[in-house]
Amino acid sequence: MVCPHVRDVPREARTAADSGPDLQVSLGNLALANPVMPASGCFGPELDSLLPINELGAVVTKTVFAERRSGNPAHRLTETALGMLNSVGIPSQGTAGFVSDVLPAYRSFGVPVIASVGGLTVEEYWRVVEELAPAEEQMDAYEVNVSCPNLEHGGLAIGTDAAVVERLVAGIGRRTRLPLLVKLTPGVTSIGDVARAAEYAGATAITVCNTFPGMAVDIRTRETILGNGIGGLSGPAVKPMALRLVWQAAAAVGIPVVGCGGITSAEDIVEFLLAGASAVQVGTATFTRPYIMAELVRDLAELCTDLDVTRVAELTGGLAPTHTRQETRCPE
């Protein structure tokens, strides 16, 4: 019996795969034509005119909350060396607005739709999933965002407590049959502990990771540049740290890992796959190159050919054994 959430790979992707490396990957029972998708909050249907969205492995929506949210005060974005700080605060139209005004546009692209869901309390997450239940036929999976550093009431508290993550994810699992990705925060002592909690609670996969907390200061006004004071650092500057967290998380769990953090090239994607990821998300790079994800899919196929890789899935966890030892002491 075929699971109703495993979508047929688009004809265009099958044709490309027949003439080159096989880019298909799976996140549990969710099949993707290739491992490239946007990070939540960094993509919207309005990019349709700039990007052949049907060439992506999936699309991930902006995070949905139960009620409408306006987000944080200006300024919300500022550039940093090799990256960006954001403190957007996750504006949302609420579940009703998402279903009526947002979801149909995502569904129209013909690729799997992963709906990101959020909340300020465990109970709000559950409420969001309950209210989205009538529209689940238009979605292929949920990504449970327990990792945003820019929210009121602490923001990171839910995602840093393994017991709370376990309770939250288990509760969502009782309310839906869709696959569940759980997006983790880097702001923990042990990414493995939280990853295992999500897996134990029934997560299909985990996404590692969200932005790293940071701030920027204007020395002339002596004020913080972001209106919220602090924000999330993303971009190439965080890639080495995100790569390490993916490696640690993949070693801790038996479910797929989606890697995220500073990806700008096909070589970056292969690094994340070798570290243990099964798929990747692209965020900050899309701000300056909104078409980059389609380029990455094509570049990845060429790079696999250069590396004599016939199936991209074979790269996952493929680091040489001498380089896969978990850390036993502080690096010198």
Protein backbone atom coordinates (compact mmCIF):
# COMPACT_ATOMS: atom_id res chain seq x y z
CA MET A 1 0.00 0.00 0.00
CA VAL A 2 1.38 3.40 -0.96
CA CYS A 3 1.32 6.07 1.74
CA PRO A 4 -1.00 8.94 0.63
CA HIS A 5 1.71 11.48 1.48
CA VAL A 6 4.31 10.06 -0.89
CA ARG A 7 3.83 12.17 -3.98
CA ASP A 8 4.83 11.04 -7.45
CA VAL A 9 8.11 12.57 -8.53
CA PRO A 10 7.34 15.26 -11.17
CA ARG A 11 7.79 14.18 -14.81
CA GLU A 12 10.47 16.86 -15.31
CA ALA A 13 12.52 15.50 -12.41
CA ARG A 14 12.24 11.91 -13.64
CA THR A 15 13.44 12.98 -17.08
CA ALA A 16 16.42 14.82 -15.58
CA ALA A 17 17.25 11.84 -13.40
CA ASP A 18 17.20 9.50 -16.40
CA SER A 19 19.88 11.59 -18.11
CA GLY A 20 22.12 12.19 -15.12
CA PRO A 21 22.58 11.43 -11.42
CA ASP A 22 19.51 10.45 -9.42
CA LEU A 23 18.76 13.38 -7.10
CA GLN A 24 15.73 11.82 -5.39
CA VAL A 25 15.75 11.65 -1.58
CA SER A 26 13.27 10.59 1.09
CA LEU A 27 12.40 12.02 4.48
CA GLY A 28 10.64 9.05 5.98
CA ASN A 29 7.62 8.50 3.72
CA LEU A 30 7.94 11.93 2.12
CA ALA A 31 9.59 11.60 -1.30
CA LEU A 32 11.40 14.58 -2.85
CA ALA A 33 12.64 14.91 -6.43
CA ASN A 34 15.84 16.47 -5.08
CA PRO A 35 17.22 17.54 -1.69
CA VAL A 36 16.89 21.34 -2.11
CA MET A 37 14.15 23.40 -0.45
CA PRO A 38 13.82 26.89 1.04
CA ALA A 39 14.17 27.60 4.73
CA SER A 40 10.99 28.82 6.38
CA GLY A 41 10.68 32.59 6.38
CA CYS A 42 13.05 33.06 3.43
CA PHE A 43 10.66 32.22 0.61
CA GLY A 44 7.17 33.09 -0.56
CA PRO A 45 4.95 32.47 -3.59
CA GLU A 46 5.80 35.95 -4.82
CA LEU A 47 9.15 34.58 -6.03
CA ASP A 48 7.36 32.59 -8.73
CA SER A 49 8.38 35.08 -11.43
CA LEU A 50 12.07 34.83 -10.45
CA LEU A 51 12.46 31.13 -9.77
CA PRO A 52 11.23 27.89 -11.43
CA ILE A 53 9.76 26.63 -8.20
CA ASN A 54 8.65 23.35 -9.76
CA GLU A 55 12.34 22.39 -9.95
CA LEU A 56 12.74 22.35 -6.15
CA GLY A 57 12.45 19.30 -3.95
CA ALA A 58 9.78 20.97 -1.79
CA VAL A 59 8.60 24.35 -0.56
CA VAL A 60 8.44 25.33 3.11
CA THR A 61 5.92 27.95 4.17
CA LYS A 62 6.51 30.81 6.55
CA THR A 63 5.66 29.82 10.10
CA VAL A 64 1.94 29.83 10.90
CA PHE A 65 0.63 30.91 14.29
CA ALA A 66 -2.93 30.60 15.59
CA GLU A 67 -3.61 34.34 15.51
CA ARG A 68 -2.44 37.18 13.29
CA ARG A 69 0.96 38.60 14.20
CA SER A 70 2.59 41.79 12.98
CA GLY A 71 6.15 40.85 13.92
CA ASN A 72 8.89 42.91 15.54
CA PRO A 73 9.53 46.67 15.25
CA ALA A 74 11.94 48.09 12.64
CA HIS A 75 14.74 47.67 11.87
CA ARG A 76 14.28 43.99 11.21
CA LEU A 77 17.31 43.18 9.06
CA THR A 78 20.94 44.25 8.94
CA GLU A 79 23.97 42.90 7.09
CA THR A 80 26.98 41.50 8.88
CA ALA A 81 30.33 40.19 7.70
CA LEU A 82 29.49 37.03 5.72
CA GLY A 83 25.90 37.03 6.86
CA MET A 84 22.79 38.75 8.06
CA LEU A 85 21.02 39.48 11.32
CA ASN A 86 17.24 39.31 11.28
CA SER A 87 14.65 40.07 13.89
CA VAL A 88 11.48 39.81 11.84
CA GLY A 89 9.47 38.22 14.63
CA ILE A 90 7.51 35.90 12.32
CA PRO A 91 4.50 37.87 11.07
CA SER A 92 1.57 35.55 10.43
CA GLN A 93 -1.94 35.79 9.03
CA GLY A 94 -3.10 33.18 11.52
CA THR A 95 -4.45 29.77 10.60
CA ALA A 96 -7.60 31.08 8.89
CA GLY A 97 -5.68 33.53 6.72
CA PHE A 98 -3.06 30.92 5.89
CA VAL A 99 -5.62 28.40 4.65
CA SER A 100 -7.65 30.90 2.61
CA ASP A 101 -4.99 33.28 1.26
CA VAL A 102 -1.56 31.61 1.43
CA LEU A 103 -1.75 27.84 1.12
CA PRO A 104 -3.41 27.71 -2.34
CA ALA A 105 -0.46 29.56 -3.88
CA TYR A 106 2.06 27.12 -2.38
CA ARG A 107 -0.02 24.15 -3.55
CA SER A 108 -0.10 25.48 -7.13
CA PHE A 109 3.63 24.85 -7.68
CA GLY A 110 3.23 21.08 -7.92
CA VAL A 111 5.94 20.17 -5.40
CA PRO A 112 5.51 18.92 -1.83
CA VAL A 113 4.34 21.60 0.61
CA ILE A 114 5.79 21.58 4.11
CA ALA A 115 3.82 23.86 6.43
CA SER A 116 5.87 25.44 9.21
CA VAL A 117 3.92 25.80 12.46
CA GLY A 118 4.77 27.77 15.58
CA GLY A 119 3.47 28.92 18.91
CA LEU A 120 4.33 30.78 22.08
CA THR A 121 3.11 27.83 24.16
CA VAL A 122 2.86 24.10 23.64
CA GLU A 123 -0.90 24.43 23.56
CA GLU A 124 -0.75 26.99 20.74
CA TYR A 125 1.20 24.55 18.55
CA TRP A 126 -1.50 21.95 19.14
CA ARG A 127 -4.22 24.48 18.36
CA VAL A 128 -2.53 25.47 15.07
CA VAL A 129 -2.40 21.85 13.91
CA GLU A 130 -6.00 21.26 14.94
CA GLU A 131 -7.15 24.33 13.00
CA LEU A 132 -5.13 23.32 9.93
CA ALA A 133 -6.53 19.78 9.96
CA PRO A 134 -9.33 20.48 7.42
CA ALA A 135 -6.67 21.65 4.92
CA GLU A 136 -4.22 18.77 5.38
CA GLU A 137 -5.00 17.36 1.94
CA GLN A 138 -3.25 20.45 0.56
CA MET A 139 -0.10 19.83 2.63
CA ASP A 140 2.50 17.06 2.59
CA ALA A 141 4.20 17.55 5.97
CA TYR A 142 4.57 19.88 8.93
CA GLU A 143 7.79 21.49 10.12
CA VAL A 144 7.45 22.20 13.84
CA ASN A 145 9.46 25.36 14.49
CA VAL A 146 10.70 25.14 18.09
CA SER A 147 13.76 27.24 17.35
CA CYS A 148 13.05 30.92 16.68
CA PRO A 149 15.20 33.28 18.80
CA ASN A 150 13.15 36.38 17.99
CA LEU A 151 9.85 35.82 19.76
CA GLU A 152 8.39 37.30 22.90
CA HIS A 153 8.13 35.23 26.09
CA GLY A 154 11.66 33.86 25.74
CA GLY A 155 11.46 32.45 22.23
CA LEU A 156 14.03 29.71 22.62
CA ALA A 157 12.66 28.21 25.85
CA ILE A 158 10.50 25.55 24.18
CA GLY A 159 13.23 24.31 21.85
CA THR A 160 15.95 24.13 24.51
CA ASP A 161 14.07 21.77 26.82
CA ALA A 162 14.14 18.17 25.57
CA ALA A 163 11.20 17.16 27.78
CA VAL A 164 9.04 19.99 26.46
CA VAL A 165 10.00 19.19 22.85
CA GLU A 166 9.03 15.56 23.43
CA ARG A 167 5.64 16.54 24.90
CA LEU A 168 4.98 19.07 22.14
CA VAL A 169 5.85 16.74 19.25
CA ALA A 170 3.96 13.80 20.74
CA GLY A 171 0.89 16.01 21.09
CA ILE A 172 1.10 17.10 17.47
CA GLY A 173 1.50 13.47 16.41
CA ARG A 174 -1.81 12.66 18.07
CA ARG A 175 -3.47 15.43 16.06
CA THR A 176 -2.21 14.68 12.55
CA ARG A 177 -1.11 11.88 10.25
CA LEU A 178 1.21 14.09 8.23
CA PRO A 179 4.98 13.57 8.46
CA LEU A 180 6.59 15.79 11.11
CA LEU A 181 9.89 17.62 10.71
CA VAL A 182 11.10 19.32 13.90
CA LYS A 183 13.31 22.38 13.43
CA LEU A 184 15.88 22.60 16.22
CA THR A 185 17.72 25.52 17.73
CA PRO A 186 21.52 25.73 17.93
CA GLY A 187 21.21 27.28 21.40
CA VAL A 188 21.49 24.05 23.37
CA THR A 189 24.24 22.26 25.27
CA SER A 190 23.54 18.99 23.43
CA ILE A 191 21.77 18.98 20.07
CA GLY A 192 21.69 15.19 20.32
CA ASP A 193 19.51 15.21 23.45
CA VAL A 194 16.84 17.38 21.84
CA ALA A 195 17.06 15.47 18.56
CA ARG A 196 16.51 12.17 20.39
CA ALA A 197 13.53 13.66 22.25
CA ALA A 198 11.94 14.66 18.94
CA GLU A 199 12.63 11.22 17.47
CA TYR A 200 11.19 9.43 20.51
CA ALA A 201 8.04 11.56 20.27
CA GLY A 202 7.46 10.47 16.69
CA ALA A 203 9.26 13.00 14.48
CA THR A 204 9.77 11.87 10.89
CA ALA A 205 12.89 14.04 10.51
CA ILE A 206 14.67 16.94 12.17
CA THR A 207 15.87 20.20 10.65
CA VAL A 208 19.24 21.47 11.94
CA CYS A 209 19.38 24.32 12.53
CA ASN A 210 17.85 27.77 12.89
CA THR A 211 19.77 31.03 13.28
CA PHE A 212 22.35 31.76 15.99
CA PRO A 213 21.44 34.59 18.42
CA GLY A 214 23.42 37.80 17.87
CA MET A 215 23.25 41.57 17.83
CA ALA A 216 24.65 44.68 16.14
CA VAL A 217 25.34 48.14 17.60
CA ASP A 218 25.38 51.61 16.04
CA ILE A 219 28.37 53.35 17.67
CA ARG A 220 27.09 56.82 16.77
CA THR A 221 23.62 56.51 18.28
CA ARG A 222 24.82 54.02 20.90
CA GLU A 223 21.75 51.94 20.20
CA THR A 224 21.22 48.46 18.87
CA ILE A 225 20.58 48.47 15.14
CA LEU A 226 17.73 45.97 15.29
CA GLY A 227 14.49 47.26 16.74
CA ASN A 228 14.17 44.19 18.92
CA GLY A 229 17.74 44.52 20.21
CA ILE A 230 18.87 41.03 19.28
CA GLY A 231 18.29 38.85 16.23
CA GLY A 232 19.27 35.67 14.48
CA LEU A 233 22.59 35.40 12.64
CA SER A 234 22.52 33.47 9.36
CA GLY A 235 24.55 33.14 6.17
CA PRO A 236 28.00 31.74 5.35
CA ALA A 237 29.38 32.85 8.72
CA VAL A 238 27.38 30.14 10.53
CA LYS A 239 28.01 27.28 8.10
CA PRO A 240 30.88 25.58 10.01
CA MET A 241 28.83 25.61 13.22
CA ALA A 242 25.67 24.36 11.51
CA LEU A 243 27.65 21.62 9.78
CA ARG A 244 28.97 20.38 13.11
CA LEU A 245 25.48 20.35 14.62
CA VAL A 246 24.14 18.35 11.67
CA TRP A 247 26.95 15.84 12.14
CA GLN A 248 26.19 15.51 15.86
CA ALA A 249 22.42 15.26 15.36
CA ALA A 250 22.75 12.65 12.61
CA ALA A 251 24.93 10.53 14.90
CA ALA A 252 22.32 10.78 17.67
CA VAL A 253 19.18 9.71 15.79
CA GLY A 254 18.01 7.17 13.26
CA ILE A 255 15.66 9.51 11.40
CA PRO A 256 16.66 11.82 8.51
CA VAL A 257 18.25 15.19 9.11
CA VAL A 258 17.64 18.29 7.00
CA GLY A 259 20.71 20.55 7.10
CA CYS A 260 20.44 24.33 7.12
CA GLY A 261 22.95 27.12 7.63
CA GLY A 262 24.98 29.21 5.20
CA ILE A 263 24.50 27.14 2.05
CA THR A 264 25.46 29.03 -1.12
CA SER A 265 26.86 26.35 -3.44
CA ALA A 266 26.50 22.74 -4.52
CA GLU A 267 29.76 22.03 -2.67
CA ASP A 268 28.10 23.25 0.53
CA ILE A 269 25.20 20.87 -0.07
CA VAL A 270 27.54 17.92 -0.49
CA GLU A 271 29.33 18.85 2.74
CA PHE A 272 26.04 18.76 4.63
CA LEU A 273 25.07 15.46 3.04
CA LEU A 274 28.41 13.88 3.93
CA ALA A 275 27.98 15.13 7.50
CA GLY A 276 24.71 13.20 7.73
CA ALA A 277 21.96 15.31 6.17
CA SER A 278 19.48 13.77 3.74
CA ALA A 279 18.26 17.13 2.39
CA VAL A 280 19.04 20.82 2.84
CA GLN A 281 17.32 24.17 3.21
CA VAL A 282 18.54 27.45 1.72
CA GLY A 283 17.76 30.75 3.39
CA THR A 284 19.94 33.85 3.45
CA ALA A 285 21.39 33.28 -0.04
CA THR A 286 17.92 33.78 -1.54
CA PHE A 287 17.84 37.41 -0.37
CA THR A 288 20.52 38.45 -2.85
CA ARG A 289 19.97 35.68 -5.42
CA PRO A 290 16.28 34.70 -5.36
CA TYR A 291 16.87 32.21 -8.17
CA ILE A 292 19.73 30.40 -6.41
CA MET A 293 17.84 27.28 -5.36
CA ALA A 294 17.15 26.24 -8.96
CA GLU A 295 20.81 26.90 -9.76
CA LEU A 296 21.85 24.71 -6.85
CA VAL A 297 19.73 21.80 -8.09
CA ARG A 298 21.41 21.96 -11.49
CA ASP A 299 24.88 22.51 -10.02
CA LEU A 300 24.38 19.58 -7.66
CA ALA A 301 23.66 17.27 -10.59
CA GLU A 302 26.85 18.43 -12.33
CA LEU A 303 28.91 18.06 -9.16
CA CYS A 304 27.61 14.54 -8.58
CA THR A 305 28.72 13.64 -12.09
CA ASP A 306 32.17 15.10 -11.39
CA LEU A 307 32.36 13.09 -8.16
CA ASP A 308 31.19 9.87 -9.88
CA VAL A 309 28.08 9.81 -7.68
CA THR A 310 25.10 8.19 -9.39
CA ARG A 311 22.60 8.65 -6.51
CA VAL A 312 22.78 11.74 -4.32
CA ALA A 313 21.28 9.78 -1.41
CA GLU A 314 24.49 7.73 -1.31
CA LEU A 315 26.33 10.80 -0.03
CA THR A 316 24.38 10.98 3.23
CA GLY A 317 26.65 10.17 6.17
CA GLY A 318 29.54 9.42 3.84
CA LEU A 319 32.39 11.02 5.75
CA ALA A 320 35.50 8.85 5.95
CA PRO A 321 35.47 6.78 9.20
CA THR A 322 38.54 8.51 10.62
CA HIS A 323 36.64 11.79 10.50
CA THR A 324 33.38 10.68 12.12
CA ARG A 325 34.46 10.26 15.72
CA GLN A 326 32.31 12.18 18.16
CA GLU A 327 34.12 14.80 20.21
CA THR A 328 35.54 13.45 23.48
CA ARG A 329 37.37 16.55 24.64
CA CYS A 330 37.51 20.25 24.02
CA PRO A 331 39.22 21.16 20.71
CA GLU A 332 42.66 22.63 21.22
